[in-house]
């Protein structure tokens, strides 16, 4: 996952990087935000093809630096 600067997209950095190099399918990305509670979360899910695992990542993106909140992997 890459964090892009809003005004200068050429300014970016990786905040989650995995080097498994496995093929994935059924990927889904969602953003959940609540203006009243002042939080914004990024939810990423995908299935790996060869290992048949389903992965879910939830990351808090409301602050300056993204904070991983939850990770789930099931077979």
PDB file of N, CA and C in Angstrom:
ATOM      1  N   UNK A   1       0.839  -1.153   0.000  1.00  0.00           N
ATOM      2  CA  UNK A   1       0.000   0.000   0.000  1.00  0.00           C
ATOM      3  C   UNK A   1       0.894   1.228   0.000  1.00  0.00           C
ATOM      4  N   UNK A   2       0.471   2.218  -0.741  1.00  0.00           N
ATOM      5  CA  UNK A   2       1.270   3.414  -0.935  1.00  0.00           C
ATOM      6  C   UNK A   2       0.493   4.628  -0.439  1.00  0.00           C
ATOM      7  N   UNK A   3       1.187   5.513   0.255  1.00  0.00           N
ATOM      8  CA  UNK A   3       0.598   6.783   0.698  1.00  0.00           C
ATOM      9  C   UNK A   3       1.038   7.863  -0.282  1.00  0.00           C
ATOM     10  N   UNK A   4       0.060   8.533  -0.925  1.00  0.00           N
ATOM     11  CA  UNK A   4       0.334   9.612  -1.865  1.00  0.00           C
ATOM     12  C   UNK A   4       0.043  10.958  -1.214  1.00  0.00           C
ATOM     13  N   UNK A   5       0.843  11.950  -1.560  1.00  0.00           N
ATOM     14  CA  UNK A   5       0.579  13.307  -1.122  1.00  0.00           C
ATOM     15  C   UNK A   5      -0.545  13.869  -1.983  1.00  0.00           C
ATOM     16  N   UNK A   6      -1.496  14.557  -1.379  1.00  0.00           N
ATOM     17  CA  UNK A   6      -2.692  15.029  -2.088  1.00  0.00           C
ATOM     18  C   UNK A   6      -2.364  16.030  -3.192  1.00  0.00           C
ATOM     19  N   UNK A   7      -1.486  16.988  -2.937  1.00  0.00           N
ATOM     20  CA  UNK A   7      -1.184  18.022  -3.921  1.00  0.00           C
ATOM     21  C   UNK A   7      -0.033  17.659  -4.848  1.00  0.00           C
ATOM     22  N   UNK A   8       0.849  16.772  -4.415  1.00  0.00           N
ATOM     23  CA  UNK A   8       1.981  16.360  -5.231  1.00  0.00           C
ATOM     24  C   UNK A   8       2.040  14.830  -5.273  1.00  0.00           C
ATOM     25  N   UNK A   9       1.366  14.204  -6.250  1.00  0.00           N
ATOM     26  CA  UNK A   9       1.320  12.737  -6.295  1.00  0.00           C
ATOM     27  C   UNK A   9       2.679  12.069  -6.506  1.00  0.00           C
ATOM     28  N   UNK A  10       3.674  12.833  -6.945  1.00  0.00           N
ATOM     29  CA  UNK A  10       5.004  12.258  -7.123  1.00  0.00           C
ATOM     30  C   UNK A  10       5.698  12.052  -5.775  1.00  0.00           C
ATOM     31  N   UNK A  11       5.162  12.663  -4.737  1.00  0.00           N
ATOM     32  CA  UNK A  11       5.690  12.479  -3.380  1.00  0.00           C
ATOM     33  C   UNK A  11       4.894  11.354  -2.720  1.00  0.00           C
ATOM     34  N   UNK A  12       5.515  10.191  -2.561  1.00  0.00           N
ATOM     35  CA  UNK A  12       4.814   9.028  -2.019  1.00  0.00           C
ATOM     36  C   UNK A  12       5.775   8.171  -1.204  1.00  0.00           C
ATOM     37  N   UNK A  13       5.212   7.290  -0.389  1.00  0.00           N
ATOM     38  CA  UNK A  13       6.003   6.294   0.327  1.00  0.00           C
ATOM     39  C   UNK A  13       5.141   5.079   0.621  1.00  0.00           C
ATOM     40  N   UNK A  14       5.795   3.925   0.743  1.00  0.00           N
ATOM     41  CA  UNK A  14       5.106   2.688   1.075  1.00  0.00           C
ATOM     42  C   UNK A  14       4.876   2.643   2.574  1.00  0.00           C
ATOM     43  N   UNK A  15       3.648   2.326   3.004  1.00  0.00           N
ATOM     44  CA  UNK A  15       3.434   2.149   4.437  1.00  0.00           C
ATOM     45  C   UNK A  15       3.112   0.716   4.790  1.00  0.00           C
ATOM     46  N   UNK A  16       2.780  -0.116   3.836  1.00  0.00           N
ATOM     47  CA  UNK A  16       2.682  -1.563   4.039  1.00  0.00           C
ATOM     48  C   UNK A  16       3.255  -2.196   2.781  1.00  0.00           C
ATOM     49  N   UNK A  17       4.261  -3.043   2.950  1.00  0.00           N
ATOM     50  CA  UNK A  17       4.901  -3.668   1.803  1.00  0.00           C
ATOM     51  C   UNK A  17       5.192  -5.127   2.132  1.00  0.00           C
ATOM     52  N   UNK A  18       4.653  -6.024   1.331  1.00  0.00           N
ATOM     53  CA  UNK A  18       4.870  -7.450   1.525  1.00  0.00           C
ATOM     54  C   UNK A  18       5.616  -7.999   0.321  1.00  0.00           C
ATOM     55  N   UNK A  19       6.566  -8.870   0.559  1.00  0.00           N
ATOM     56  CA  UNK A  19       7.416  -9.391  -0.502  1.00  0.00           C
ATOM     57  C   UNK A  19       7.115 -10.852  -0.810  1.00  0.00           C
ATOM     58  N   UNK A  20       5.865 -11.273  -0.675  1.00  0.00           N
ATOM     59  CA  UNK A  20       5.546 -12.676  -0.922  1.00  0.00           C
ATOM     60  C   UNK A  20       5.495 -12.998  -2.406  1.00  0.00           C
ATOM     61  N   UNK A  21       5.167 -12.023  -3.237  1.00  0.00           N
ATOM     62  CA  UNK A  21       5.088 -12.172  -4.696  1.00  0.00           C
ATOM     63  C   UNK A  21       4.095 -13.252  -5.119  1.00  0.00           C
ATOM     64  N   UNK A  22       3.028 -13.430  -4.338  1.00  0.00           N
ATOM     65  CA  UNK A  22       1.984 -14.383  -4.692  1.00  0.00           C
ATOM     66  C   UNK A  22       0.927 -13.696  -5.540  1.00  0.00           C
ATOM     67  N   UNK A  23       0.311 -14.445  -6.432  1.00  0.00           N
ATOM     68  CA  UNK A  23      -0.795 -13.909  -7.221  1.00  0.00           C
ATOM     69  C   UNK A  23      -2.019 -13.767  -6.332  1.00  0.00           C
ATOM     70  N   UNK A  24      -2.789 -12.697  -6.563  1.00  0.00           N
ATOM     71  CA  UNK A  24      -3.991 -12.471  -5.772  1.00  0.00           C
ATOM     72  C   UNK A  24      -5.193 -12.338  -6.690  1.00  0.00           C
ATOM     73  N   UNK A  25      -6.373 -12.510  -6.114  1.00  0.00           N
ATOM     74  CA  UNK A  25      -7.629 -12.288  -6.834  1.00  0.00           C
ATOM     75  C   UNK A  25      -8.668 -11.802  -5.832  1.00  0.00           C
ATOM     76  N   UNK A  26      -9.826 -11.444  -6.325  1.00  0.00           N
ATOM     77  CA  UNK A  26     -10.944 -10.978  -5.498  1.00  0.00           C
ATOM     78  C   UNK A  26     -10.526  -9.860  -4.549  1.00  0.00           C
ATOM     79  N   UNK A  27      -9.753  -8.903  -5.051  1.00  0.00           N
ATOM     80  CA  UNK A  27      -9.301  -7.791  -4.215  1.00  0.00           C
ATOM     81  C   UNK A  27     -10.417  -6.762  -4.053  1.00  0.00           C
ATOM     82  N   UNK A  28     -10.465  -6.158  -2.876  1.00  0.00           N
ATOM     83  CA  UNK A  28     -11.469  -5.146  -2.581  1.00  0.00           C
ATOM     84  C   UNK A  28     -10.849  -4.091  -1.674  1.00  0.00           C
ATOM     85  N   UNK A  29     -11.168  -2.817  -1.945  1.00  0.00           N
ATOM     86  CA  UNK A  29     -10.682  -1.701  -1.136  1.00  0.00           C
ATOM     87  C   UNK A  29     -11.880  -0.842  -0.756  1.00  0.00           C
ATOM     88  N   UNK A  30     -11.951  -0.462   0.522  1.00  0.00           N
ATOM     89  CA  UNK A  30     -13.040   0.397   1.000  1.00  0.00           C
ATOM     90  C   UNK A  30     -12.473   1.409   1.993  1.00  0.00           C
ATOM     91  N   UNK A  31     -13.126   2.547   2.066  1.00  0.00           N
ATOM     92  CA  UNK A  31     -12.765   3.569   3.049  1.00  0.00           C
ATOM     93  C   UNK A  31     -13.985   3.822   3.919  1.00  0.00           C
ATOM     94  N   UNK A  32     -13.778   3.719   5.220  1.00  0.00           N
ATOM     95  CA  UNK A  32     -14.839   3.981   6.191  1.00  0.00           C
ATOM     96  C   UNK A  32     -14.459   5.262   6.914  1.00  0.00           C
ATOM     97  N   UNK A  33     -15.372   6.241   6.926  1.00  0.00           N
ATOM     98  CA  UNK A  33     -15.063   7.477   7.633  1.00  0.00           C
ATOM     99  C   UNK A  33     -16.256   7.941   8.453  1.00  0.00           C
ATOM    100  N   UNK A  34     -15.945   8.562   9.568  1.00  0.00           N
ATOM    101  CA  UNK A  34     -16.959   9.110  10.464  1.00  0.00           C
ATOM    102  C   UNK A  34     -16.491  10.501  10.868  1.00  0.00           C
ATOM    103  N   UNK A  35     -17.154  11.519  10.336  1.00  0.00           N
ATOM    104  CA  UNK A  35     -16.763  12.902  10.610  1.00  0.00           C
ATOM    105  C   UNK A  35     -16.978  13.263  12.079  1.00  0.00           C
ATOM    106  N   UNK A  36     -18.011  12.707  12.694  1.00  0.00           N
ATOM    107  CA  UNK A  36     -18.317  13.017  14.089  1.00  0.00           C
ATOM    108  C   UNK A  36     -17.254  12.485  15.039  1.00  0.00           C
ATOM    109  N   UNK A  37     -16.818  11.245  14.823  1.00  0.00           N
ATOM    110  CA  UNK A  37     -15.807  10.611  15.669  1.00  0.00           C
ATOM    111  C   UNK A  37     -14.381  10.909  15.197  1.00  0.00           C
ATOM    112  N   UNK A  38     -14.240  11.578  14.058  1.00  0.00           N
ATOM    113  CA  UNK A  38     -12.938  11.977  13.481  1.00  0.00           C
ATOM    114  C   UNK A  38     -12.030  10.783  13.206  1.00  0.00           C
ATOM    115  N   UNK A  39     -12.549   9.774  12.541  1.00  0.00           N
ATOM    116  CA  UNK A  39     -11.675   8.673  12.123  1.00  0.00           C
ATOM    117  C   UNK A  39     -11.932   8.314  10.672  1.00  0.00           C
ATOM    118  N   UNK A  40     -10.890   7.771  10.045  1.00  0.00           N
ATOM    119  CA  UNK A  40     -10.963   7.314   8.666  1.00  0.00           C
ATOM    120  C   UNK A  40     -10.132   6.043   8.580  1.00  0.00           C
ATOM    121  N   UNK A  41     -10.727   4.968   8.078  1.00  0.00           N
ATOM    122  CA  UNK A  41     -10.042   3.679   7.999  1.00  0.00           C
ATOM    123  C   UNK A  41     -10.050   3.157   6.571  1.00  0.00           C
ATOM    124  N   UNK A  42      -8.951   2.555   6.190  1.00  0.00           N
ATOM    125  CA  UNK A  42      -8.811   1.904   4.900  1.00  0.00           C
ATOM    126  C   UNK A  42      -8.899   0.402   5.128  1.00  0.00           C
ATOM    127  N   UNK A  43      -9.789  -0.260   4.389  1.00  0.00           N
ATOM    128  CA  UNK A  43      -9.976  -1.707   4.515  1.00  0.00           C
ATOM    129  C   UNK A  43      -9.598  -2.349   3.181  1.00  0.00           C
ATOM    130  N   UNK A  44      -8.637  -3.258   3.233  1.00  0.00           N
ATOM    131  CA  UNK A  44      -8.162  -3.947   2.039  1.00  0.00           C
ATOM    132  C   UNK A  44      -8.317  -5.442   2.268  1.00  0.00           C
ATOM    133  N   UNK A  45      -8.925  -6.131   1.308  1.00  0.00           N
ATOM    134  CA  UNK A  45      -9.061  -7.584   1.410  1.00  0.00           C
ATOM    135  C   UNK A  45      -8.726  -8.212   0.057  1.00  0.00           C
ATOM    136  N   UNK A  46      -8.171  -9.413   0.110  1.00  0.00           N
ATOM    137  CA  UNK A  46      -7.848 -10.142  -1.116  1.00  0.00           C
ATOM    138  C   UNK A  46      -7.674 -11.620  -0.801  1.00  0.00           C
ATOM    139  N   UNK A  47      -7.684 -12.433  -1.850  1.00  0.00           N
ATOM    140  CA  UNK A  47      -7.472 -13.872  -1.730  1.00  0.00           C
ATOM    141  C   UNK A  47      -6.221 -14.234  -2.514  1.00  0.00           C
ATOM    142  N   UNK A  48      -5.327 -15.016  -1.894  1.00  0.00           N
ATOM    143  CA  UNK A  48      -4.154 -15.496  -2.626  1.00  0.00           C
ATOM    144  C   UNK A  48      -4.546 -16.745  -3.409  1.00  0.00           C
ATOM    145  N   UNK A  49      -4.024 -16.862  -4.597  1.00  0.00           N
ATOM    146  CA  UNK A  49      -4.463 -17.925  -5.501  1.00  0.00           C
ATOM    147  C   UNK A  49      -3.860 -19.284  -5.138  1.00  0.00           C
ATOM    148  N   UNK A  50      -2.553 -19.380  -4.986  1.00  0.00           N
ATOM    149  CA  UNK A  50      -1.918 -20.687  -4.771  1.00  0.00           C
ATOM    150  C   UNK A  50      -2.111 -21.219  -3.354  1.00  0.00           C
ATOM    151  N   UNK A  51      -2.129 -20.329  -2.359  1.00  0.00           N
ATOM    152  CA  UNK A  51      -2.265 -20.773  -0.979  1.00  0.00           C
ATOM    153  C   UNK A  51      -3.717 -20.849  -0.518  1.00  0.00           C
ATOM    154  N   UNK A  52      -4.629 -20.269  -1.276  1.00  0.00           N
ATOM    155  CA  UNK A  52      -6.051 -20.230  -0.932  1.00  0.00           C
ATOM    156  C   UNK A  52      -6.295 -19.635   0.457  1.00  0.00           C
ATOM    157  N   UNK A  53      -5.670 -18.509   0.725  1.00  0.00           N
ATOM    158  CA  UNK A  53      -5.913 -17.792   1.975  1.00  0.00           C
ATOM    159  C   UNK A  53      -6.625 -16.493   1.669  1.00  0.00           C
ATOM    160  N   UNK A  54      -7.438 -16.039   2.603  1.00  0.00           N
ATOM    161  CA  UNK A  54      -8.150 -14.778   2.479  1.00  0.00           C
ATOM    162  C   UNK A  54      -7.583 -13.821   3.524  1.00  0.00           C
ATOM    163  N   UNK A  55      -7.197 -12.631   3.099  1.00  0.00           N
ATOM    164  CA  UNK A  55      -6.525 -11.670   3.970  1.00  0.00           C
ATOM    165  C   UNK A  55      -7.320 -10.375   4.054  1.00  0.00           C
ATOM    166  N   UNK A  56      -7.385  -9.819   5.251  1.00  0.00           N
ATOM    167  CA  UNK A  56      -8.044  -8.535   5.486  1.00  0.00           C
ATOM    168  C   UNK A  56      -7.096  -7.656   6.295  1.00  0.00           C
ATOM    169  N   UNK A  57      -6.913  -6.418   5.846  1.00  0.00           N
ATOM    170  CA  UNK A  57      -6.109  -5.427   6.554  1.00  0.00           C
ATOM    171  C   UNK A  57      -6.976  -4.208   6.814  1.00  0.00           C
ATOM    172  N   UNK A  58      -6.927  -3.691   8.030  1.00  0.00           N
ATOM    173  CA  UNK A  58      -7.598  -2.443   8.365  1.00  0.00           C
ATOM    174  C   UNK A  58      -6.536  -1.484   8.881  1.00  0.00           C
ATOM    175  N   UNK A  59      -6.476  -0.298   8.266  1.00  0.00           N
ATOM    176  CA  UNK A  59      -5.445   0.680   8.587  1.00  0.00           C
ATOM    177  C   UNK A  59      -6.118   2.011   8.903  1.00  0.00           C
ATOM    178  N   UNK A  60      -5.707   2.640  10.010  1.00  0.00           N
ATOM    179  CA  UNK A  60      -6.203   3.969  10.372  1.00  0.00           C
ATOM    180  C   UNK A  60      -5.454   4.999   9.537  1.00  0.00           C
ATOM    181  N   UNK A  61      -6.160   5.727   8.672  1.00  0.00           N
ATOM    182  CA  UNK A  61      -5.527   6.721   7.811  1.00  0.00           C
ATOM    183  C   UNK A  61      -5.961   8.138   8.177  1.00  0.00           C
ATOM    184  N   UNK A  62      -6.480   8.335   9.387  1.00  0.00           N
ATOM    185  CA  UNK A  62      -6.954   9.660   9.786  1.00  0.00           C
ATOM    186  C   UNK A  62      -5.815  10.579  10.218  1.00  0.00           C
ATOM    187  N   UNK A  63      -4.685  10.031  10.629  1.00  0.00           N
ATOM    188  CA  UNK A  63      -3.560  10.846  11.075  1.00  0.00           C
ATOM    189  C   UNK A  63      -2.546  11.069   9.980  1.00  0.00           C
ATOM    190  N   UNK A  64      -1.420  11.630  10.361  1.00  0.00           N
ATOM    191  CA  UNK A  64      -0.339  11.898   9.411  1.00  0.00           C
ATOM    192  C   UNK A  64       0.286  10.594   8.928  1.00  0.00           C
ATOM    193  N   UNK A  65       0.549   9.682   9.848  1.00  0.00           N
ATOM    194  CA  UNK A  65       1.113   8.385   9.499  1.00  0.00           C
ATOM    195  C   UNK A  65       0.051   7.299   9.653  1.00  0.00           C
ATOM    196  N   UNK A  66      -0.100   6.408   8.667  1.00  0.00           N
ATOM    197  CA  UNK A  66      -1.059   5.303   8.768  1.00  0.00           C
ATOM    198  C   UNK A  66      -0.673   4.334   9.878  1.00  0.00           C
ATOM    199  N   UNK A  67      -1.675   3.873  10.615  1.00  0.00           N
ATOM    200  CA  UNK A  67      -1.456   2.950  11.730  1.00  0.00           C
ATOM    201  C   UNK A  67      -2.239   1.664  11.460  1.00  0.00           C
ATOM    202  N   UNK A  68      -1.552   0.515  11.328  1.00  0.00           N
ATOM    203  CA  UNK A  68      -2.281  -0.752  11.151  1.00  0.00           C
ATOM    204  C   UNK A  68      -3.097  -1.075  12.400  1.00  0.00           C
ATOM    205  N   UNK A  69      -4.375  -1.377  12.215  1.00  0.00           N
ATOM    206  CA  UNK A  69      -5.259  -1.685  13.338  1.00  0.00           C
ATOM    207  C   UNK A  69      -5.561  -3.168  13.457  1.00  0.00           C
ATOM    208  N   UNK A  70      -5.694  -3.845  12.317  1.00  0.00           N
ATOM    209  CA  UNK A  70      -6.165  -5.226  12.356  1.00  0.00           C
ATOM    210  C   UNK A  70      -5.648  -5.967  11.138  1.00  0.00           C
ATOM    211  N   UNK A  71      -5.287  -7.230  11.324  1.00  0.00           N
ATOM    212  CA  UNK A  71      -4.887  -8.091  10.217  1.00  0.00           C
ATOM    213  C   UNK A  71      -5.473  -9.477  10.475  1.00  0.00           C
ATOM    214  N   UNK A  72      -6.103 -10.030   9.439  1.00  0.00           N
ATOM    215  CA  UNK A  72      -6.717 -11.347   9.556  1.00  0.00           C
ATOM    216  C   UNK A  72      -6.317 -12.183   8.347  1.00  0.00           C
ATOM    217  N   UNK A  73      -5.971 -13.430   8.598  1.00  0.00           N
ATOM    218  CA  UNK A  73      -5.655 -14.370   7.523  1.00  0.00           C
ATOM    219  C   UNK A  73      -6.334 -15.690   7.852  1.00  0.00           C
ATOM    220  N   UNK A  74      -7.130 -16.189   6.922  1.00  0.00           N
ATOM    221  CA  UNK A  74      -7.809 -17.467   7.153  1.00  0.00           C
ATOM    222  C   UNK A  74      -7.606 -18.379   5.953  1.00  0.00           C
ATOM    223  N   UNK A  75      -7.686 -19.679   6.212  1.00  0.00           N
ATOM    224  CA  UNK A  75      -7.493 -20.687   5.172  1.00  0.00           C
ATOM    225  C   UNK A  75      -8.807 -21.229   4.690  1.00  0.00           C
TER     226      UNK A  75
END
